[in-house]
Amino acid sequence: MHIGTIETPVLVFGGPYRNLGATQALLDRAVALDIPPERMICAGDTVAYCAEPEATTDVIRTSGMHVVMGNCEESLSEDADDCGCGFTEGSVCDTLST
């Protein structure tokens, strides 16, 4: 996808990880910095680890920002057993990803 040439500040971030509070704080900061949604790019992984997957996804989805598919979205779309990150079995990341 080509979103064109942008000569003003752009907000690029990844890993909302179902963290609604942090996602909302980031979007509030973008507003304070006068960065509109069309100049925001989320690098995916909206649905991993934290407690509010639906609300966080709704905020991202309705914001109007650009979103690329992260490995978490890819694994969900393929009905995979895990996110494919290669976490060591029994590690904290392995435990949190289930």
PDB file of N, CA and C in Angstrom:
ATOM      1  N   MET A   1       0.844  -1.159   0.000  1.00  0.00           N
ATOM      2  CA  MET A   1       0.000   0.000   0.000  1.00  0.00           C
ATOM      3  C   MET A   1       0.896   1.230   0.000  1.00  0.00           C
ATOM      4  N   HIS A   2       0.586   2.180  -0.816  1.00  0.00           N
ATOM      5  CA  HIS A   2       1.311   3.446  -0.864  1.00  0.00           C
ATOM      6  C   HIS A   2       0.372   4.529  -0.354  1.00  0.00           C
ATOM      7  N   ILE A   3       0.757   5.205   0.715  1.00  0.00           N
ATOM      8  CA  ILE A   3      -0.115   6.237   1.270  1.00  0.00           C
ATOM      9  C   ILE A   3       0.302   7.635   0.831  1.00  0.00           C
ATOM     10  N   GLY A   4       1.218   7.702  -0.117  1.00  0.00           N
ATOM     11  CA  GLY A   4       1.619   8.985  -0.663  1.00  0.00           C
ATOM     12  C   GLY A   4       2.825   9.575   0.043  1.00  0.00           C
ATOM     13  N   THR A   5       3.227  10.734  -0.420  1.00  0.00           N
ATOM     14  CA  THR A   5       4.343  11.459   0.170  1.00  0.00           C
ATOM     15  C   THR A   5       3.813  12.313   1.306  1.00  0.00           C
ATOM     16  N   ILE A   6       4.441  12.196   2.442  1.00  0.00           N
ATOM     17  CA  ILE A   6       4.007  12.944   3.616  1.00  0.00           C
ATOM     18  C   ILE A   6       5.179  13.788   4.088  1.00  0.00           C
ATOM     19  N   GLU A   7       4.962  15.078   4.174  1.00  0.00           N
ATOM     20  CA  GLU A   7       6.037  15.983   4.568  1.00  0.00           C
ATOM     21  C   GLU A   7       5.800  16.608   5.936  1.00  0.00           C
ATOM     22  N   THR A   8       4.889  16.048   6.674  1.00  0.00           N
ATOM     23  CA  THR A   8       4.592  16.511   8.023  1.00  0.00           C
ATOM     24  C   THR A   8       4.776  15.330   8.977  1.00  0.00           C
ATOM     25  N   PRO A   9       4.763  15.577  10.285  1.00  0.00           N
ATOM     26  CA  PRO A   9       4.990  14.476  11.228  1.00  0.00           C
ATOM     27  C   PRO A   9       4.029  13.303  11.026  1.00  0.00           C
ATOM     28  N   VAL A  10       4.578  12.110  11.205  1.00  0.00           N
ATOM     29  CA  VAL A  10       3.819  10.869  11.091  1.00  0.00           C
ATOM     30  C   VAL A  10       4.011  10.100  12.396  1.00  0.00           C
ATOM     31  N   LEU A  11       2.956   9.488  12.866  1.00  0.00           N
ATOM     32  CA  LEU A  11       3.032   8.647  14.057  1.00  0.00           C
ATOM     33  C   LEU A  11       2.961   7.194  13.613  1.00  0.00           C
ATOM     34  N   VAL A  12       4.040   6.460  13.859  1.00  0.00           N
ATOM     35  CA  VAL A  12       4.094   5.035  13.529  1.00  0.00           C
ATOM     36  C   VAL A  12       4.296   4.291  14.842  1.00  0.00           C
ATOM     37  N   PHE A  13       3.431   3.346  15.104  1.00  0.00           N
ATOM     38  CA  PHE A  13       3.542   2.592  16.349  1.00  0.00           C
ATOM     39  C   PHE A  13       3.083   1.164  16.133  1.00  0.00           C
ATOM     40  N   GLY A  14       3.524   0.306  16.995  1.00  0.00           N
ATOM     41  CA  GLY A  14       3.132  -1.094  16.902  1.00  0.00           C
ATOM     42  C   GLY A  14       2.769  -1.645  18.254  1.00  0.00           C
ATOM     43  N   GLY A  15       2.067  -2.731  18.214  1.00  0.00           N
ATOM     44  CA  GLY A  15       1.774  -3.465  19.424  1.00  0.00           C
ATOM     45  C   GLY A  15       0.841  -2.807  20.405  1.00  0.00           C
ATOM     46  N   PRO A  16      -0.393  -2.432  19.998  1.00  0.00           N
ATOM     47  CA  PRO A  16      -1.362  -2.003  21.009  1.00  0.00           C
ATOM     48  C   PRO A  16      -1.634  -3.105  22.045  1.00  0.00           C
ATOM     49  N   TYR A  17      -1.481  -4.363  21.633  1.00  0.00           N
ATOM     50  CA  TYR A  17      -1.579  -5.534  22.524  1.00  0.00           C
ATOM     51  C   TYR A  17      -2.771  -5.511  23.473  1.00  0.00           C
ATOM     52  N   ARG A  18      -3.932  -5.096  22.993  1.00  0.00           N
ATOM     53  CA  ARG A  18      -5.169  -5.057  23.778  1.00  0.00           C
ATOM     54  C   ARG A  18      -5.087  -4.100  24.957  1.00  0.00           C
ATOM     55  N   ASN A  19      -4.116  -3.202  24.968  1.00  0.00           N
ATOM     56  CA  ASN A  19      -3.934  -2.270  26.070  1.00  0.00           C
ATOM     57  C   ASN A  19      -4.676  -0.980  25.737  1.00  0.00           C
ATOM     58  N   LEU A  20      -5.941  -0.939  26.139  1.00  0.00           N
ATOM     59  CA  LEU A  20      -6.806   0.188  25.797  1.00  0.00           C
ATOM     60  C   LEU A  20      -6.283   1.505  26.361  1.00  0.00           C
ATOM     61  N   GLY A  21      -5.862   1.510  27.615  1.00  0.00           N
ATOM     62  CA  GLY A  21      -5.386   2.745  28.236  1.00  0.00           C
ATOM     63  C   GLY A  21      -4.198   3.346  27.510  1.00  0.00           C
ATOM     64  N   ALA A  22      -3.227   2.518  27.178  1.00  0.00           N
ATOM     65  CA  ALA A  22      -2.044   3.006  26.469  1.00  0.00           C
ATOM     66  C   ALA A  22      -2.393   3.447  25.054  1.00  0.00           C
ATOM     67  N   THR A  23      -3.276   2.702  24.403  1.00  0.00           N
ATOM     68  CA  THR A  23      -3.681   3.067  23.043  1.00  0.00           C
ATOM     69  C   THR A  23      -4.395   4.409  23.051  1.00  0.00           C
ATOM     70  N   GLN A  24      -5.304   4.602  23.997  1.00  0.00           N
ATOM     71  CA  GLN A  24      -6.024   5.871  24.078  1.00  0.00           C
ATOM     72  C   GLN A  24      -5.076   7.015  24.417  1.00  0.00           C
ATOM     73  N   ALA A  25      -4.117   6.779  25.314  1.00  0.00           N
ATOM     74  CA  ALA A  25      -3.137   7.813  25.657  1.00  0.00           C
ATOM     75  C   ALA A  25      -2.310   8.206  24.437  1.00  0.00           C
ATOM     76  N   LEU A  26      -1.936   7.228  23.631  1.00  0.00           N
ATOM     77  CA  LEU A  26      -1.177   7.507  22.412  1.00  0.00           C
ATOM     78  C   LEU A  26      -2.008   8.347  21.444  1.00  0.00           C
ATOM     79  N   LEU A  27      -3.272   7.984  21.277  1.00  0.00           N
ATOM     80  CA  LEU A  27      -4.134   8.747  20.373  1.00  0.00           C
ATOM     81  C   LEU A  27      -4.382  10.156  20.908  1.00  0.00           C
ATOM     82  N   ASP A  28      -4.518  10.300  22.212  1.00  0.00           N
ATOM     83  CA  ASP A  28      -4.665  11.630  22.810  1.00  0.00           C
ATOM     84  C   ASP A  28      -3.424  12.475  22.553  1.00  0.00           C
ATOM     85  N   ARG A  29      -2.263  11.864  22.650  1.00  0.00           N
ATOM     86  CA  ARG A  29      -1.007  12.587  22.380  1.00  0.00           C
ATOM     87  C   ARG A  29      -0.933  12.998  20.917  1.00  0.00           C
ATOM     88  N   ALA A  30      -1.386  12.126  20.033  1.00  0.00           N
ATOM     89  CA  ALA A  30      -1.408  12.461  18.604  1.00  0.00           C
ATOM     90  C   ALA A  30      -2.283  13.686  18.360  1.00  0.00           C
ATOM     91  N   VAL A  31      -3.423  13.754  19.027  1.00  0.00           N
ATOM     92  CA  VAL A  31      -4.298  14.923  18.902  1.00  0.00           C
ATOM     93  C   VAL A  31      -3.568  16.170  19.395  1.00  0.00           C
ATOM     94  N   ALA A  32      -2.895  16.068  20.539  1.00  0.00           N
ATOM     95  CA  ALA A  32      -2.155  17.205  21.095  1.00  0.00           C
ATOM     96  C   ALA A  32      -1.048  17.671  20.158  1.00  0.00           C
ATOM     97  N   LEU A  33      -0.469  16.732  19.405  1.00  0.00           N
ATOM     98  CA  LEU A  33       0.598  17.059  18.454  1.00  0.00           C
ATOM     99  C   LEU A  33       0.058  17.394  17.066  1.00  0.00           C
ATOM    100  N   ASP A  34      -1.263  17.430  16.935  1.00  0.00           N
ATOM    101  CA  ASP A  34      -1.926  17.751  15.669  1.00  0.00           C
ATOM    102  C   ASP A  34      -1.569  16.755  14.562  1.00  0.00           C
ATOM    103  N   ILE A  35      -1.528  15.475  14.931  1.00  0.00           N
ATOM    104  CA  ILE A  35      -1.277  14.413  13.953  1.00  0.00           C
ATOM    105  C   ILE A  35      -2.605  13.711  13.697  1.00  0.00           C
ATOM    106  N   PRO A  36      -3.194  13.925  12.530  1.00  0.00           N
ATOM    107  CA  PRO A  36      -4.493  13.314  12.230  1.00  0.00           C
ATOM    108  C   PRO A  36      -4.351  11.823  11.902  1.00  0.00           C
ATOM    109  N   PRO A  37      -5.442  11.077  11.981  1.00  0.00           N
ATOM    110  CA  PRO A  37      -5.397   9.632  11.723  1.00  0.00           C
ATOM    111  C   PRO A  37      -4.781   9.249  10.379  1.00  0.00           C
ATOM    112  N   GLU A  38      -4.972  10.047   9.365  1.00  0.00           N
ATOM    113  CA  GLU A  38      -4.402   9.698   8.057  1.00  0.00           C
ATOM    114  C   GLU A  38      -2.874   9.757   8.045  1.00  0.00           C
ATOM    115  N   ARG A  39      -2.274  10.307   9.120  1.00  0.00           N
ATOM    116  CA  ARG A  39      -0.816  10.307   9.256  1.00  0.00           C
ATOM    117  C   ARG A  39      -0.358   9.396  10.392  1.00  0.00           C
ATOM    118  N   MET A  40      -1.188   8.410  10.727  1.00  0.00           N
ATOM    119  CA  MET A  40      -0.838   7.418  11.742  1.00  0.00           C
ATOM    120  C   MET A  40      -0.799   6.043  11.095  1.00  0.00           C
ATOM    121  N   ILE A  41       0.199   5.257  11.497  1.00  0.00           N
ATOM    122  CA  ILE A  41       0.323   3.888  10.997  1.00  0.00           C
ATOM    123  C   ILE A  41       0.535   2.970  12.196  1.00  0.00           C
ATOM    124  N   CYS A  42      -0.374   2.033  12.357  1.00  0.00           N
ATOM    125  CA  CYS A  42      -0.246   1.011  13.398  1.00  0.00           C
ATOM    126  C   CYS A  42       0.354  -0.224  12.752  1.00  0.00           C
ATOM    127  N   ALA A  43       1.427  -0.731  13.339  1.00  0.00           N
ATOM    128  CA  ALA A  43       2.126  -1.889  12.776  1.00  0.00           C
ATOM    129  C   ALA A  43       1.547  -3.219  13.260  1.00  0.00           C
ATOM    130  N   GLY A  44       0.283  -3.217  13.633  1.00  0.00           N
ATOM    131  CA  GLY A  44      -0.405  -4.457  13.958  1.00  0.00           C
ATOM    132  C   GLY A  44      -0.210  -4.935  15.380  1.00  0.00           C
ATOM    133  N   ASP A  45      -0.547  -6.198  15.580  1.00  0.00           N
ATOM    134  CA  ASP A  45      -0.529  -6.844  16.894  1.00  0.00           C
ATOM    135  C   ASP A  45      -1.459  -6.130  17.872  1.00  0.00           C
ATOM    136  N   THR A  46      -2.688  -5.922  17.427  1.00  0.00           N
ATOM    137  CA  THR A  46      -3.672  -5.257  18.284  1.00  0.00           C
ATOM    138  C   THR A  46      -4.229  -6.184  19.352  1.00  0.00           C
ATOM    139  N   VAL A  47      -4.143  -7.491  19.142  1.00  0.00           N
ATOM    140  CA  VAL A  47      -4.864  -8.433  20.011  1.00  0.00           C
ATOM    141  C   VAL A  47      -3.944  -9.448  20.685  1.00  0.00           C
ATOM    142  N   ALA A  48      -3.052  -8.994  21.511  1.00  0.00           N
ATOM    143  CA  ALA A  48      -2.195  -9.929  22.247  1.00  0.00           C
ATOM    144  C   ALA A  48      -1.958  -9.403  23.656  1.00  0.00           C
ATOM    145  N   TYR A  49      -1.979 -10.282  24.613  1.00  0.00           N
ATOM    146  CA  TYR A  49      -1.503 -10.085  25.980  1.00  0.00           C
ATOM    147  C   TYR A  49      -2.423  -9.357  26.959  1.00  0.00           C
ATOM    148  N   CYS A  50      -2.868  -8.159  26.726  1.00  0.00           N
ATOM    149  CA  CYS A  50      -3.568  -7.394  27.772  1.00  0.00           C
ATOM    150  C   CYS A  50      -5.070  -7.682  27.800  1.00  0.00           C
ATOM    151  N   ALA A  51      -5.801  -6.907  28.576  1.00  0.00           N
ATOM    152  CA  ALA A  51      -7.146  -7.297  28.997  1.00  0.00           C
ATOM    153  C   ALA A  51      -8.315  -6.821  28.148  1.00  0.00           C
ATOM    154  N   GLU A  52      -8.144  -5.882  27.240  1.00  0.00           N
ATOM    155  CA  GLU A  52      -9.313  -5.310  26.571  1.00  0.00           C
ATOM    156  C   GLU A  52      -9.211  -5.418  25.051  1.00  0.00           C
ATOM    157  N   PRO A  53      -9.290  -6.636  24.512  1.00  0.00           N
ATOM    158  CA  PRO A  53      -9.093  -6.820  23.075  1.00  0.00           C
ATOM    159  C   PRO A  53     -10.146  -6.145  22.209  1.00  0.00           C
ATOM    160  N   GLU A  54     -11.424  -6.302  22.554  1.00  0.00           N
ATOM    161  CA  GLU A  54     -12.474  -5.739  21.705  1.00  0.00           C
ATOM    162  C   GLU A  54     -12.457  -4.222  21.721  1.00  0.00           C
ATOM    163  N   ALA A  55     -12.342  -3.633  22.898  1.00  0.00           N
ATOM    164  CA  ALA A  55     -12.342  -2.175  22.999  1.00  0.00           C
ATOM    165  C   ALA A  55     -11.132  -1.570  22.301  1.00  0.00           C
ATOM    166  N   THR A  56      -9.965  -2.172  22.483  1.00  0.00           N
ATOM    167  CA  THR A  56      -8.757  -1.667  21.830  1.00  0.00           C
ATOM    168  C   THR A  56      -8.874  -1.784  20.320  1.00  0.00           C
ATOM    169  N   THR A  57      -9.349  -2.929  19.854  1.00  0.00           N
ATOM    170  CA  THR A  57      -9.529  -3.123  18.413  1.00  0.00           C
ATOM    171  C   THR A  57     -10.539  -2.133  17.862  1.00  0.00           C
ATOM    172  N   ASP A  58     -11.624  -1.884  18.592  1.00  0.00           N
ATOM    173  CA  ASP A  58     -12.627  -0.915  18.138  1.00  0.00           C
ATOM    174  C   ASP A  58     -12.038   0.487  18.013  1.00  0.00           C
ATOM    175  N   VAL A  59     -11.220   0.890  18.994  1.00  0.00           N
ATOM    176  CA  VAL A  59     -10.590   2.217  18.943  1.00  0.00           C
ATOM    177  C   VAL A  59      -9.686   2.324  17.719  1.00  0.00           C
ATOM    178  N   ILE A  60      -8.879   1.305  17.483  1.00  0.00           N
ATOM    179  CA  ILE A  60      -7.985   1.309  16.322  1.00  0.00           C
ATOM    180  C   ILE A  60      -8.808   1.319  15.037  1.00  0.00           C
ATOM    181  N   ARG A  61      -9.800   0.454  14.968  1.00  0.00           N
ATOM    182  CA  ARG A  61     -10.612   0.303  13.756  1.00  0.00           C
ATOM    183  C   ARG A  61     -11.368   1.590  13.414  1.00  0.00           C
ATOM    184  N   THR A  62     -11.928   2.255  14.410  1.00  0.00           N
ATOM    185  CA  THR A  62     -12.741   3.444  14.142  1.00  0.00           C
ATOM    186  C   THR A  62     -11.936   4.730  14.043  1.00  0.00           C
ATOM    187  N   SER A  63     -10.646   4.669  14.340  1.00  0.00           N
ATOM    188  CA  SER A  63      -9.826   5.883  14.350  1.00  0.00           C
ATOM    189  C   SER A  63      -9.595   6.476  12.965  1.00  0.00           C
ATOM    190  N   GLY A  64      -9.586   5.627  11.952  1.00  0.00           N
ATOM    191  CA  GLY A  64      -9.281   6.102  10.605  1.00  0.00           C
ATOM    192  C   GLY A  64      -7.811   5.999  10.241  1.00  0.00           C
ATOM    193  N   MET A  65      -6.989   5.466  11.147  1.00  0.00           N
ATOM    194  CA  MET A  65      -5.558   5.329  10.865  1.00  0.00           C
ATOM    195  C   MET A  65      -5.301   4.148   9.932  1.00  0.00           C
ATOM    196  N   HIS A  66      -4.113   4.095   9.385  1.00  0.00           N
ATOM    197  CA  HIS A  66      -3.670   2.958   8.579  1.00  0.00           C
ATOM    198  C   HIS A  66      -3.204   1.859   9.531  1.00  0.00           C
ATOM    199  N   VAL A  67      -3.494   0.616   9.201  1.00  0.00           N
ATOM    200  CA  VAL A  67      -3.070  -0.521  10.019  1.00  0.00           C
ATOM    201  C   VAL A  67      -2.536  -1.607   9.100  1.00  0.00           C
ATOM    202  N   VAL A  68      -1.371  -2.125   9.435  1.00  0.00           N
ATOM    203  CA  VAL A  68      -0.833  -3.271   8.701  1.00  0.00           C
ATOM    204  C   VAL A  68      -0.993  -4.512   9.577  1.00  0.00           C
ATOM    205  N   MET A  69      -1.000  -5.660   8.951  1.00  0.00           N
ATOM    206  CA  MET A  69      -1.198  -6.903   9.678  1.00  0.00           C
ATOM    207  C   MET A  69       0.072  -7.304  10.419  1.00  0.00           C
ATOM    208  N   GLY A  70      -0.048  -7.468  11.724  1.00  0.00           N
ATOM    209  CA  GLY A  70       1.053  -7.980  12.519  1.00  0.00           C
ATOM    210  C   GLY A  70       0.995  -9.495  12.582  1.00  0.00           C
ATOM    211  N   ASN A  71       1.985 -10.079  13.225  1.00  0.00           N
ATOM    212  CA  ASN A  71       2.006 -11.542  13.297  1.00  0.00           C
ATOM    213  C   ASN A  71       0.832 -12.096  14.098  1.00  0.00           C
ATOM    214  N   CYS A  72       0.314 -11.340  15.070  1.00  0.00           N
ATOM    215  CA  CYS A  72      -0.855 -11.819  15.825  1.00  0.00           C
ATOM    216  C   CYS A  72      -2.083 -11.898  14.926  1.00  0.00           C
ATOM    217  N   GLU A  73      -2.327 -10.865  14.117  1.00  0.00           N
ATOM    218  CA  GLU A  73      -3.463 -10.898  13.191  1.00  0.00           C
ATOM    219  C   GLU A  73      -3.285 -11.997  12.155  1.00  0.00           C
ATOM    220  N   GLU A  74      -2.053 -12.166  11.693  1.00  0.00           N
ATOM    221  CA  GLU A  74      -1.782 -13.215  10.716  1.00  0.00           C
ATOM    222  C   GLU A  74      -2.084 -14.592  11.303  1.00  0.00           C
ATOM    223  N   SER A  75      -1.657 -14.830  12.529  1.00  0.00           N
ATOM    224  CA  SER A  75      -1.899 -16.142  13.139  1.00  0.00           C
ATOM    225  C   SER A  75      -3.385 -16.378  13.366  1.00  0.00           C
ATOM    226  N   LEU A  76      -4.124 -15.326  13.726  1.00  0.00           N
ATOM    227  CA  LEU A  76      -5.574 -15.474  13.887  1.00  0.00           C
ATOM    228  C   LEU A  76      -6.251 -15.780  12.557  1.00  0.00           C
ATOM    229  N   SER A  77      -5.809 -15.108  11.502  1.00  0.00           N
ATOM    230  CA  SER A  77      -6.431 -15.333  10.189  1.00  0.00           C
ATOM    231  C   SER A  77      -6.155 -16.731   9.657  1.00  0.00           C
ATOM    232  N   GLU A  78      -5.068 -17.334  10.122  1.00  0.00           N
ATOM    233  CA  GLU A  78      -4.699 -18.678   9.669  1.00  0.00           C
ATOM    234  C   GLU A  78      -5.081 -19.758  10.680  1.00  0.00           C
ATOM    235  N   ASP A  79      -5.788 -19.354  11.759  1.00  0.00           N
ATOM    236  CA  ASP A  79      -6.188 -20.284  12.820  1.00  0.00           C
ATOM    237  C   ASP A  79      -4.989 -21.067  13.356  1.00  0.00           C
ATOM    238  N   ALA A  80      -3.874 -20.357  13.523  1.00  0.00           N
ATOM    239  CA  ALA A  80      -2.631 -20.981  13.997  1.00  0.00           C
ATOM    240  C   ALA A  80      -2.695 -21.258  15.501  1.00  0.00           C
ATOM    241  N   ASP A  81      -1.858 -22.158  15.954  1.00  0.00           N
ATOM    242  CA  ASP A  81      -1.798 -22.500  17.373  1.00  0.00           C
ATOM    243  C   ASP A  81      -1.152 -21.404  18.215  1.00  0.00           C
ATOM    244  N   ASP A  82      -0.267 -20.603  17.601  1.00  0.00           N
ATOM    245  CA  ASP A  82       0.381 -19.512  18.317  1.00  0.00           C
ATOM    246  C   ASP A  82       0.711 -18.400  17.328  1.00  0.00           C
ATOM    247  N   CYS A  83       1.350 -17.355  17.815  1.00  0.00           N
ATOM    248  CA  CYS A  83       1.623 -16.187  16.971  1.00  0.00           C
ATOM    249  C   CYS A  83       2.829 -16.369  16.055  1.00  0.00           C
ATOM    250  N   GLY A  84       3.554 -17.453  16.221  1.00  0.00           N
ATOM    251  CA  GLY A  84       4.693 -17.704  15.351  1.00  0.00           C
ATOM    252  C   GLY A  84       5.952 -16.962  15.733  1.00  0.00           C
ATOM    253  N   CYS A  85       5.991 -16.406  16.933  1.00  0.00           N
ATOM    254  CA  CYS A  85       7.158 -15.639  17.367  1.00  0.00           C
ATOM    255  C   CYS A  85       8.324 -16.519  17.786  1.00  0.00           C
ATOM    256  N   GLY A  86       8.067 -17.795  17.971  1.00  0.00           N
ATOM    257  CA  GLY A  86       9.138 -18.695  18.368  1.00  0.00           C
ATOM    258  C   GLY A  86       9.498 -18.609  19.836  1.00  0.00           C
ATOM    259  N   PHE A  87       8.530 -18.252  20.683  1.00  0.00           N
ATOM    260  CA  PHE A  87       8.796 -18.182  22.113  1.00  0.00           C
ATOM    261  C   PHE A  87       9.218 -19.550  22.638  1.00  0.00           C
ATOM    262  N   THR A  88      10.146 -19.549  23.552  1.00  0.00           N
ATOM    263  CA  THR A  88      10.572 -20.782  24.203  1.00  0.00           C
ATOM    264  C   THR A  88       9.430 -21.303  25.069  1.00  0.00           C
ATOM    265  N   GLU A  89       9.128 -22.584  24.949  1.00  0.00           N
ATOM    266  CA  GLU A  89       8.048 -23.175  25.729  1.00  0.00           C
ATOM    267  C   GLU A  89       8.279 -22.946  27.217  1.00  0.00           C
ATOM    268  N   GLY A  90       7.246 -22.452  27.891  1.00  0.00           N
ATOM    269  CA  GLY A  90       7.330 -22.180  29.319  1.00  0.00           C
ATOM    270  C   GLY A  90       7.830 -20.792  29.665  1.00  0.00           C
ATOM    271  N   SER A  91       8.260 -20.011  28.661  1.00  0.00           N
ATOM    272  CA  SER A  91       8.732 -18.647  28.931  1.00  0.00           C
ATOM    273  C   SER A  91       7.542 -17.751  29.269  1.00  0.00           C
ATOM    274  N   VAL A  92       7.822 -16.573  29.819  1.00  0.00           N
ATOM    275  CA  VAL A  92       6.760 -15.624  30.137  1.00  0.00           C
ATOM    276  C   VAL A  92       5.965 -15.288  28.881  1.00  0.00           C
ATOM    277  N   CYS A  93       6.636 -15.019  27.773  1.00  0.00           N
ATOM    278  CA  CYS A  93       5.941 -14.686  26.524  1.00  0.00           C
ATOM    279  C   CYS A  93       5.074 -15.844  26.050  1.00  0.00           C
ATOM    280  N   ASP A  94       5.550 -17.054  26.184  1.00  0.00           N
ATOM    281  CA  ASP A  94       4.771 -18.234  25.817  1.00  0.00           C
ATOM    282  C   ASP A  94       3.512 -18.311  26.671  1.00  0.00           C
ATOM    283  N   THR A  95       3.663 -18.092  27.965  1.00  0.00           N
ATOM    284  CA  THR A  95       2.522 -18.146  28.875  1.00  0.00           C
ATOM    285  C   THR A  95       1.518 -17.049  28.558  1.00  0.00           C
ATOM    286  N   LEU A  96       1.985 -15.833  28.321  1.00  0.00           N
ATOM    287  CA  LEU A  96       1.089 -14.713  28.042  1.00  0.00           C
ATOM    288  C   LEU A  96       0.408 -14.824  26.690  1.00  0.00           C
ATOM    289  N   SER A  97       0.988 -15.558  25.777  1.00  0.00           N
ATOM    290  CA  SER A  97       0.423 -15.637  24.427  1.00  0.00           C
ATOM    291  C   SER A  97      -0.685 -16.670  24.309  1.00  0.00           C
ATOM    292  N   THR A  98      -0.996 -17.375  25.383  1.00  0.00           N
ATOM    293  CA  THR A  98      -2.055 -18.390  25.311  1.00  0.00           C
ATOM    294  C   THR A  98      -3.340 -17.908  25.907  1.00  0.00           C
TER     295      THR A  98
END
